[in-house]
Amino acid sequence: MRKALILTAGMLVGVVMLLAGCNGRNAVYKDGTYTGQSSADDKENGYGVVTIKIENGTVASCEFLTYNADGSLKDEDYGKENGRIVSKDFYNKAQKANAACAEYANMLVSSGNLEGVDAVSGATVNYNLFIEAVNNALEGAKE
């Protein structure tokens, strides 16, 4: 129930931001490189960091990485315990969520705004981290 309330609240914030013009479609951005960080996910398992390069007022490149609560990068070892795959199912899910980070970044560059970024099945937590981090990065890029 708590998770459903958090997701609903997160989606409501996203809708309000879209209506307020925070999706990039109505905003004008200064050229430069901007970084934004999300708050921790709902289970305090980590956070996301996005680096966005703006050229000619539009998103030219984007990188999105996620980190564990201790600050270590979620990489090819994400989903392992002590360097070993304990549960193949858990490891595969963790890696699918990790791969979605690049997909989210590519969708943002392709579409030019957050409306063009769709959640990837199995990576909704990363989607929410991405949206928050992008909004934080683009706040500094607004003219």
C-alpha atoms as a PDB file:
ATOM      1  CA  MET A   1       0.000   0.000   0.000  1.00  0.00           C
ATOM      2  CA  ARG A   2       2.813   2.412   0.936  1.00  0.00           C
ATOM      3  CA  LYS A   3       4.614   1.723  -2.336  1.00  0.00           C
ATOM      4  CA  ALA A   4       1.400   2.377  -4.294  1.00  0.00           C
ATOM      5  CA  LEU A   5       0.977   5.709  -2.513  1.00  0.00           C
ATOM      6  CA  ILE A   6       4.584   6.685  -3.236  1.00  0.00           C
ATOM      7  CA  LEU A   7       4.242   5.739  -6.907  1.00  0.00           C
ATOM      8  CA  THR A   8       0.936   7.624  -7.155  1.00  0.00           C
ATOM      9  CA  ALA A   9       2.482  10.690  -5.521  1.00  0.00           C
ATOM     10  CA  GLY A  10       5.472  10.462  -7.861  1.00  0.00           C
ATOM     11  CA  MET A  11       3.239  10.226 -10.904  1.00  0.00           C
ATOM     12  CA  LEU A  12       1.188  13.198  -9.683  1.00  0.00           C
ATOM     13  CA  VAL A  13       4.353  15.277  -9.304  1.00  0.00           C
ATOM     14  CA  GLY A  14       5.358  14.247 -12.835  1.00  0.00           C
ATOM     15  CA  VAL A  15       1.995  15.310 -14.262  1.00  0.00           C
ATOM     16  CA  VAL A  16       2.184  18.671 -12.469  1.00  0.00           C
ATOM     17  CA  MET A  17       5.701  19.215 -13.851  1.00  0.00           C
ATOM     18  CA  LEU A  18       4.554  18.350 -17.354  1.00  0.00           C
ATOM     19  CA  LEU A  19       1.663  20.774 -17.118  1.00  0.00           C
ATOM     20  CA  ALA A  20       3.997  23.443 -15.765  1.00  0.00           C
ATOM     21  CA  GLY A  21       6.263  23.145 -18.771  1.00  0.00           C
ATOM     22  CA  CYS A  22       9.112  21.294 -17.047  1.00  0.00           C
ATOM     23  CA  ASN A  23       9.219  18.579 -19.711  1.00  0.00           C
ATOM     24  CA  GLY A  24      11.553  20.522 -21.965  1.00  0.00           C
ATOM     25  CA  ARG A  25       9.044  21.146 -24.759  1.00  0.00           C
ATOM     26  CA  ASN A  26       8.132  24.652 -23.583  1.00  0.00           C
ATOM     27  CA  ALA A  27      11.394  25.562 -21.887  1.00  0.00           C
ATOM     28  CA  VAL A  28      14.416  27.206 -23.455  1.00  0.00           C
ATOM     29  CA  TYR A  29      17.754  25.884 -22.252  1.00  0.00           C
ATOM     30  CA  LYS A  30      21.218  27.438 -22.084  1.00  0.00           C
ATOM     31  CA  ASP A  31      23.973  25.498 -23.810  1.00  0.00           C
ATOM     32  CA  GLY A  32      26.230  23.639 -21.411  1.00  0.00           C
ATOM     33  CA  THR A  33      26.552  20.468 -19.398  1.00  0.00           C
ATOM     34  CA  TYR A  34      24.239  19.970 -16.446  1.00  0.00           C
ATOM     35  CA  THR A  35      24.107  17.322 -13.745  1.00  0.00           C
ATOM     36  CA  GLY A  36      21.126  16.346 -11.637  1.00  0.00           C
ATOM     37  CA  GLN A  37      20.688  13.817  -8.869  1.00  0.00           C
ATOM     38  CA  SER A  38      17.551  12.125  -7.652  1.00  0.00           C
ATOM     39  CA  SER A  39      16.708  11.493  -4.056  1.00  0.00           C
ATOM     40  CA  ALA A  40      16.993   7.917  -2.803  1.00  0.00           C
ATOM     41  CA  ASP A  41      14.477   5.409  -4.132  1.00  0.00           C
ATOM     42  CA  ASP A  42      11.538   4.378  -1.944  1.00  0.00           C
ATOM     43  CA  LYS A  43      13.503   1.498  -0.382  1.00  0.00           C
ATOM     44  CA  GLU A  44      16.624   3.613   0.209  1.00  0.00           C
ATOM     45  CA  ASN A  45      18.535   1.277  -2.143  1.00  0.00           C
ATOM     46  CA  GLY A  46      20.155   4.014  -4.156  1.00  0.00           C
ATOM     47  CA  TYR A  47      19.813   7.069  -6.338  1.00  0.00           C
ATOM     48  CA  GLY A  48      20.354   8.209  -9.907  1.00  0.00           C
ATOM     49  CA  VAL A  49      22.614  10.820 -11.490  1.00  0.00           C
ATOM     50  CA  VAL A  50      22.074  12.274 -14.944  1.00  0.00           C
ATOM     51  CA  THR A  51      24.502  14.356 -16.995  1.00  0.00           C
ATOM     52  CA  ILE A  52      22.884  16.267 -19.859  1.00  0.00           C
ATOM     53  CA  LYS A  53      24.630  18.265 -22.551  1.00  0.00           C
ATOM     54  CA  ILE A  54      22.584  21.048 -24.138  1.00  0.00           C
ATOM     55  CA  GLU A  55      23.591  22.315 -27.590  1.00  0.00           C
ATOM     56  CA  ASN A  56      21.618  24.901 -29.535  1.00  0.00           C
ATOM     57  CA  GLY A  57      18.980  24.844 -26.807  1.00  0.00           C
ATOM     58  CA  THR A  58      18.225  21.120 -27.087  1.00  0.00           C
ATOM     59  CA  VAL A  59      19.390  17.910 -25.426  1.00  0.00           C
ATOM     60  CA  ALA A  60      22.419  16.720 -27.404  1.00  0.00           C
ATOM     61  CA  SER A  61      23.534  13.927 -25.086  1.00  0.00           C
ATOM     62  CA  CYS A  62      22.509  12.286 -21.851  1.00  0.00           C
ATOM     63  CA  GLU A  63      24.088   9.782 -19.489  1.00  0.00           C
ATOM     64  CA  PHE A  64      22.163   8.215 -16.615  1.00  0.00           C
ATOM     65  CA  LEU A  65      23.828   6.117 -13.947  1.00  0.00           C
ATOM     66  CA  THR A  66      22.441   4.611 -10.776  1.00  0.00           C
ATOM     67  CA  TYR A  67      24.270   4.137  -7.513  1.00  0.00           C
ATOM     68  CA  ASN A  68      23.808   2.001  -4.417  1.00  0.00           C
ATOM     69  CA  ALA A  69      23.075   3.758  -1.129  1.00  0.00           C
ATOM     70  CA  ASP A  70      26.798   3.511  -0.261  1.00  0.00           C
ATOM     71  CA  GLY A  71      27.700   5.486  -3.411  1.00  0.00           C
ATOM     72  CA  SER A  72      29.051   2.540  -5.417  1.00  0.00           C
ATOM     73  CA  LEU A  73      28.028   2.364  -9.072  1.00  0.00           C
ATOM     74  CA  LYS A  74      25.410  -0.194 -10.071  1.00  0.00           C
ATOM     75  CA  ASP A  75      27.350  -1.986 -12.817  1.00  0.00           C
ATOM     76  CA  GLU A  76      27.823  -5.530 -14.137  1.00  0.00           C
ATOM     77  CA  ASP A  77      28.082  -6.748 -10.524  1.00  0.00           C
ATOM     78  CA  TYR A  78      24.728  -5.263  -9.556  1.00  0.00           C
ATOM     79  CA  GLY A  79      22.527  -8.136  -8.372  1.00  0.00           C
ATOM     80  CA  LYS A  80      25.422 -10.268  -7.164  1.00  0.00           C
ATOM     81  CA  GLU A  81      26.277 -11.002  -3.550  1.00  0.00           C
ATOM     82  CA  ASN A  82      29.971 -10.918  -2.695  1.00  0.00           C
ATOM     83  CA  GLY A  83      30.821 -11.122  -6.390  1.00  0.00           C
ATOM     84  CA  ARG A  84      28.715 -14.240  -6.971  1.00  0.00           C
ATOM     85  CA  ILE A  85      25.365 -14.766  -8.626  1.00  0.00           C
ATOM     86  CA  VAL A  86      23.266 -16.264  -5.841  1.00  0.00           C
ATOM     87  CA  SER A  87      19.964 -16.004  -7.673  1.00  0.00           C
ATOM     88  CA  LYS A  88      20.086 -15.948 -11.458  1.00  0.00           C
ATOM     89  CA  ASP A  89      16.543 -14.524 -11.580  1.00  0.00           C
ATOM     90  CA  PHE A  90      17.436 -11.639  -9.235  1.00  0.00           C
ATOM     91  CA  TYR A  91      20.674 -10.943 -11.091  1.00  0.00           C
ATOM     92  CA  ASN A  92      18.891 -10.867 -14.466  1.00  0.00           C
ATOM     93  CA  LYS A  93      16.234  -8.481 -13.130  1.00  0.00           C
ATOM     94  CA  ALA A  94      18.893  -6.221 -11.621  1.00  0.00           C
ATOM     95  CA  GLN A  95      20.828  -6.153 -14.884  1.00  0.00           C
ATOM     96  CA  LYS A  96      17.666  -5.456 -16.904  1.00  0.00           C
ATOM     97  CA  ALA A  97      16.928  -2.473 -14.662  1.00  0.00           C
ATOM     98  CA  ASN A  98      20.522  -1.336 -15.022  1.00  0.00           C
ATOM     99  CA  ALA A  99      20.383  -1.582 -18.837  1.00  0.00           C
ATOM    100  CA  ALA A 100      17.235   0.566 -18.830  1.00  0.00           C
ATOM    101  CA  CYS A 101      19.360   3.529 -17.684  1.00  0.00           C
ATOM    102  CA  ALA A 102      20.925   3.819 -21.146  1.00  0.00           C
ATOM    103  CA  GLU A 103      17.518   3.345 -22.768  1.00  0.00           C
ATOM    104  CA  TYR A 104      16.050   6.232 -20.776  1.00  0.00           C
ATOM    105  CA  ALA A 105      18.980   8.474 -21.715  1.00  0.00           C
ATOM    106  CA  ASN A 106      18.652   7.553 -25.410  1.00  0.00           C
ATOM    107  CA  MET A 107      14.898   8.190 -25.399  1.00  0.00           C
ATOM    108  CA  LEU A 108      15.457  11.658 -23.929  1.00  0.00           C
ATOM    109  CA  VAL A 109      18.007  12.551 -26.602  1.00  0.00           C
ATOM    110  CA  SER A 110      15.806  11.140 -29.398  1.00  0.00           C
ATOM    111  CA  SER A 111      12.627  12.874 -28.272  1.00  0.00           C
ATOM    112  CA  GLY A 112      14.126  16.034 -26.811  1.00  0.00           C
ATOM    113  CA  ASN A 113      11.773  15.995 -23.836  1.00  0.00           C
ATOM    114  CA  LEU A 114      10.524  13.828 -20.985  1.00  0.00           C
ATOM    115  CA  GLU A 115       7.202  13.152 -22.714  1.00  0.00           C
ATOM    116  CA  GLY A 116       9.145  10.947 -25.139  1.00  0.00           C
ATOM    117  CA  VAL A 117      10.591   8.775 -22.370  1.00  0.00           C
ATOM    118  CA  ASP A 118       8.517   5.691 -21.603  1.00  0.00           C
ATOM    119  CA  ALA A 119       8.998   3.456 -18.580  1.00  0.00           C
ATOM    120  CA  VAL A 120      10.700   0.152 -19.311  1.00  0.00           C
ATOM    121  CA  SER A 121       8.963  -2.877 -17.816  1.00  0.00           C
ATOM    122  CA  GLY A 122      10.953  -4.071 -14.814  1.00  0.00           C
ATOM    123  CA  ALA A 123      12.746  -0.743 -14.417  1.00  0.00           C
ATOM    124  CA  THR A 124      10.074   1.573 -13.009  1.00  0.00           C
ATOM    125  CA  VAL A 125      12.173   2.567 -10.000  1.00  0.00           C
ATOM    126  CA  ASN A 126      14.970   3.685 -12.335  1.00  0.00           C
ATOM    127  CA  TYR A 127      12.399   5.528 -14.457  1.00  0.00           C
ATOM    128  CA  ASN A 128      11.292   7.555 -11.443  1.00  0.00           C
ATOM    129  CA  LEU A 129      14.915   8.262 -10.478  1.00  0.00           C
ATOM    130  CA  PHE A 130      15.618   9.347 -14.078  1.00  0.00           C
ATOM    131  CA  ILE A 131      12.671  11.748 -14.273  1.00  0.00           C
ATOM    132  CA  GLU A 132      13.620  13.405 -10.997  1.00  0.00           C
ATOM    133  CA  ALA A 133      17.322  13.657 -11.907  1.00  0.00           C
ATOM    134  CA  VAL A 134      16.540  15.136 -15.353  1.00  0.00           C
ATOM    135  CA  ASN A 135      14.218  17.726 -13.872  1.00  0.00           C
ATOM    136  CA  ASN A 136      16.922  18.671 -11.356  1.00  0.00           C
ATOM    137  CA  ALA A 137      19.558  18.971 -14.110  1.00  0.00           C
ATOM    138  CA  LEU A 138      17.345  21.017 -16.406  1.00  0.00           C
ATOM    139  CA  GLU A 139      16.483  23.489 -13.657  1.00  0.00           C
ATOM    140  CA  GLY A 140      20.017  24.831 -13.995  1.00  0.00           C
ATOM    141  CA  ALA A 141      19.748  24.981 -17.790  1.00  0.00           C
ATOM    142  CA  LYS A 142      16.652  27.156 -18.014  1.00  0.00           C
ATOM    143  CA  GLU A 143      17.108  30.594 -19.538  1.00  0.00           C
END
